[in-house]
Amino acid sequence: MPSIRFNTVCSCEQPEHDCSVCLTQFEPESEINSLSCGHIFHKMCLEKWLDYWNITCPLCRTPLLPEEDASCFW
């Protein structure tokens, strides 16, 4: 999953954001992943989440893969 820098998706005028996995604040140069549901996480936090065979968003449980692709994991 490609990552991007936090400061490219959030402007300085927006309130501070925290990663819902590690509960730490995003720094402007943090590498993040933005999911199709709109939630963002540190790249390493999301990778660790996926290492445990979780194939949904850690926050809202939206599937990260289409239904037919997700069946390959089971």
N, C-alpha and C. Protein backbone atom coordinates (compact mmCIF):
# COMPACT_ATOMS: atom_id res chain seq x y z
N MET A 1 0.85 -1.17 0.00
CA MET A 1 0.00 0.00 0.00
C MET A 1 0.90 1.23 0.00
N PRO A 2 0.74 2.12 -0.98
CA PRO A 2 1.60 3.30 -1.03
C PRO A 2 1.34 4.25 0.14
N SER A 3 2.41 4.87 0.60
CA SER A 3 2.27 5.82 1.71
C SER A 3 2.52 7.23 1.20
N ILE A 4 2.02 8.20 1.96
CA ILE A 4 2.21 9.62 1.65
C ILE A 4 2.59 10.35 2.93
N ARG A 5 3.06 11.57 2.80
CA ARG A 5 3.40 12.38 3.97
C ARG A 5 2.14 13.02 4.53
N PHE A 6 2.04 13.10 5.85
CA PHE A 6 0.87 13.66 6.52
C PHE A 6 0.60 15.09 6.06
N ASN A 7 1.65 15.90 5.92
CA ASN A 7 1.44 17.31 5.57
C ASN A 7 0.93 17.50 4.14
N THR A 8 0.88 16.45 3.33
CA THR A 8 0.32 16.58 1.99
C THR A 8 -1.19 16.37 1.98
N VAL A 9 -1.75 15.81 3.06
CA VAL A 9 -3.20 15.59 3.11
C VAL A 9 -3.91 16.45 4.14
N CYS A 10 -3.16 17.02 5.07
CA CYS A 10 -3.77 17.85 6.12
C CYS A 10 -3.07 19.20 6.18
N SER A 11 -3.86 20.26 6.17
CA SER A 11 -3.29 21.61 6.22
C SER A 11 -3.04 22.02 7.67
N CYS A 12 -2.26 23.05 7.85
CA CYS A 12 -1.92 23.54 9.19
C CYS A 12 -3.14 24.10 9.93
N GLU A 13 -4.16 24.52 9.18
CA GLU A 13 -5.34 25.10 9.83
C GLU A 13 -6.22 24.04 10.49
N GLN A 14 -6.05 22.79 10.11
CA GLN A 14 -6.89 21.73 10.67
C GLN A 14 -6.43 21.38 12.08
N PRO A 15 -7.37 20.90 12.91
CA PRO A 15 -6.97 20.49 14.26
C PRO A 15 -5.99 19.32 14.20
N GLU A 16 -5.27 19.14 15.30
CA GLU A 16 -4.30 18.05 15.36
C GLU A 16 -4.99 16.71 15.26
N HIS A 17 -4.31 15.75 14.64
CA HIS A 17 -4.85 14.41 14.45
C HIS A 17 -3.96 13.40 15.15
N ASP A 18 -4.56 12.33 15.63
CA ASP A 18 -3.82 11.23 16.23
C ASP A 18 -4.07 9.96 15.44
N CYS A 19 -3.09 9.08 15.44
CA CYS A 19 -3.25 7.76 14.84
C CYS A 19 -4.09 6.92 15.80
N SER A 20 -5.15 6.32 15.31
CA SER A 20 -6.05 5.53 16.17
C SER A 20 -5.46 4.20 16.60
N VAL A 21 -4.36 3.78 15.97
CA VAL A 21 -3.72 2.52 16.36
C VAL A 21 -2.76 2.75 17.52
N CYS A 22 -1.82 3.70 17.36
CA CYS A 22 -0.81 3.93 18.41
C CYS A 22 -1.15 5.09 19.33
N LEU A 23 -2.18 5.85 18.98
CA LEU A 23 -2.66 6.98 19.78
C LEU A 23 -1.65 8.12 19.92
N THR A 24 -0.71 8.23 18.97
CA THR A 24 0.22 9.35 18.99
C THR A 24 -0.12 10.31 17.86
N GLN A 25 0.29 11.54 18.03
CA GLN A 25 -0.02 12.60 17.07
C GLN A 25 0.79 12.42 15.79
N PHE A 26 0.18 12.73 14.66
CA PHE A 26 0.90 12.72 13.39
C PHE A 26 1.81 13.93 13.34
N GLU A 27 3.06 13.71 12.98
CA GLU A 27 4.00 14.79 12.73
C GLU A 27 3.88 15.16 11.25
N PRO A 28 4.23 16.40 10.88
CA PRO A 28 4.09 16.80 9.48
C PRO A 28 4.79 15.86 8.50
N GLU A 29 5.91 15.29 8.87
CA GLU A 29 6.66 14.41 7.97
C GLU A 29 6.34 12.93 8.16
N SER A 30 5.33 12.61 8.97
CA SER A 30 4.95 11.21 9.20
C SER A 30 4.52 10.55 7.90
N GLU A 31 4.97 9.30 7.69
CA GLU A 31 4.48 8.51 6.56
C GLU A 31 3.16 7.90 6.98
N ILE A 32 2.12 8.13 6.18
CA ILE A 32 0.79 7.64 6.52
C ILE A 32 0.18 6.88 5.35
N ASN A 33 -0.84 6.11 5.67
CA ASN A 33 -1.68 5.47 4.66
C ASN A 33 -3.08 6.02 4.83
N SER A 34 -3.69 6.41 3.73
CA SER A 34 -5.06 6.89 3.73
C SER A 34 -5.92 5.80 3.09
N LEU A 35 -6.90 5.30 3.83
CA LEU A 35 -7.75 4.21 3.35
C LEU A 35 -8.94 4.75 2.57
N SER A 36 -9.62 3.88 1.84
CA SER A 36 -10.76 4.30 1.03
C SER A 36 -11.90 4.86 1.88
N CYS A 37 -11.96 4.48 3.15
CA CYS A 37 -13.00 5.00 4.05
C CYS A 37 -12.66 6.40 4.55
N GLY A 38 -11.44 6.88 4.28
CA GLY A 38 -11.04 8.22 4.68
C GLY A 38 -10.19 8.27 5.94
N HIS A 39 -10.06 7.17 6.67
CA HIS A 39 -9.25 7.16 7.88
C HIS A 39 -7.77 7.07 7.52
N ILE A 40 -6.93 7.71 8.33
CA ILE A 40 -5.49 7.69 8.10
C ILE A 40 -4.79 7.11 9.31
N PHE A 41 -3.67 6.44 9.04
CA PHE A 41 -2.88 5.79 10.07
C PHE A 41 -1.41 5.90 9.70
N HIS A 42 -0.52 5.84 10.72
CA HIS A 42 0.90 5.74 10.41
C HIS A 42 1.11 4.51 9.54
N LYS A 43 2.01 4.61 8.60
CA LYS A 43 2.31 3.49 7.70
C LYS A 43 2.68 2.24 8.50
N MET A 44 3.56 2.39 9.47
CA MET A 44 4.01 1.22 10.25
C MET A 44 2.89 0.66 11.11
N CYS A 45 2.02 1.50 11.62
CA CYS A 45 0.90 1.02 12.44
C CYS A 45 -0.05 0.17 11.59
N LEU A 46 -0.36 0.64 10.39
CA LEU A 46 -1.26 -0.12 9.52
C LEU A 46 -0.61 -1.43 9.08
N GLU A 47 0.70 -1.39 8.81
CA GLU A 47 1.39 -2.62 8.42
C GLU A 47 1.34 -3.65 9.55
N LYS A 48 1.53 -3.19 10.78
CA LYS A 48 1.46 -4.11 11.92
C LYS A 48 0.04 -4.67 12.05
N TRP A 49 -0.97 -3.84 11.86
CA TRP A 49 -2.37 -4.27 11.89
C TRP A 49 -2.61 -5.37 10.86
N LEU A 50 -2.10 -5.17 9.65
CA LEU A 50 -2.28 -6.14 8.58
C LEU A 50 -1.49 -7.43 8.82
N ASP A 51 -0.38 -7.33 9.55
CA ASP A 51 0.41 -8.53 9.89
C ASP A 51 -0.40 -9.54 10.69
N TYR A 52 -1.40 -9.08 11.39
CA TYR A 52 -2.24 -9.97 12.21
C TYR A 52 -3.49 -10.43 11.45
N TRP A 53 -3.42 -10.42 10.12
CA TRP A 53 -4.49 -10.89 9.24
C TRP A 53 -5.77 -10.06 9.35
N ASN A 54 -5.66 -8.86 9.84
CA ASN A 54 -6.82 -7.96 9.85
C ASN A 54 -6.93 -7.34 8.47
N ILE A 55 -8.07 -7.50 7.83
CA ILE A 55 -8.25 -6.97 6.47
C ILE A 55 -9.35 -5.93 6.43
N THR A 56 -9.54 -5.25 7.57
CA THR A 56 -10.52 -4.17 7.66
C THR A 56 -9.84 -2.94 8.24
N CYS A 57 -10.48 -1.79 8.09
CA CYS A 57 -9.99 -0.56 8.70
C CYS A 57 -9.98 -0.76 10.22
N PRO A 58 -8.90 -0.39 10.91
CA PRO A 58 -8.86 -0.55 12.37
C PRO A 58 -9.93 0.25 13.10
N LEU A 59 -10.45 1.29 12.47
CA LEU A 59 -11.41 2.16 13.14
C LEU A 59 -12.86 1.82 12.83
N CYS A 60 -13.21 1.70 11.56
CA CYS A 60 -14.62 1.51 11.20
C CYS A 60 -14.92 0.11 10.65
N ARG A 61 -13.90 -0.71 10.47
CA ARG A 61 -14.03 -2.09 9.98
C ARG A 61 -14.49 -2.20 8.53
N THR A 62 -14.34 -1.14 7.75
CA THR A 62 -14.61 -1.22 6.32
C THR A 62 -13.58 -2.16 5.71
N PRO A 63 -14.00 -3.12 4.88
CA PRO A 63 -13.03 -4.03 4.25
C PRO A 63 -12.01 -3.27 3.42
N LEU A 64 -10.75 -3.68 3.53
CA LEU A 64 -9.69 -3.04 2.75
C LEU A 64 -9.62 -3.61 1.34
N LEU A 65 -10.18 -4.79 1.14
CA LEU A 65 -10.20 -5.45 -0.16
C LEU A 65 -11.63 -5.69 -0.60
N PRO A 66 -11.87 -5.71 -1.90
CA PRO A 66 -13.21 -6.09 -2.36
C PRO A 66 -13.56 -7.49 -1.86
N GLU A 67 -14.83 -7.78 -1.70
CA GLU A 67 -15.31 -9.05 -1.14
C GLU A 67 -14.67 -10.26 -1.81
N GLU A 68 -14.59 -10.26 -3.15
CA GLU A 68 -14.05 -11.42 -3.85
C GLU A 68 -12.56 -11.60 -3.59
N ASP A 69 -11.80 -10.51 -3.42
CA ASP A 69 -10.38 -10.61 -3.12
C ASP A 69 -10.14 -11.03 -1.68
N ALA A 70 -11.00 -10.62 -0.76
CA ALA A 70 -10.84 -10.95 0.65
C ALA A 70 -10.97 -12.45 0.89
N SER A 71 -11.74 -13.15 0.06
CA SER A 71 -11.92 -14.58 0.25
C SER A 71 -10.62 -15.35 0.06
N CYS A 72 -9.65 -14.79 -0.62
CA CYS A 72 -8.36 -15.45 -0.82
C CYS A 72 -7.58 -15.58 0.48
N PHE A 73 -7.89 -14.75 1.46
CA PHE A 73 -7.18 -14.77 2.73
C PHE A 73 -7.69 -15.83 3.67
N TRP A 74 -8.84 -16.40 3.40
CA TRP A 74 -9.43 -17.38 4.32
C TRP A 74 -9.34 -18.71 3.70
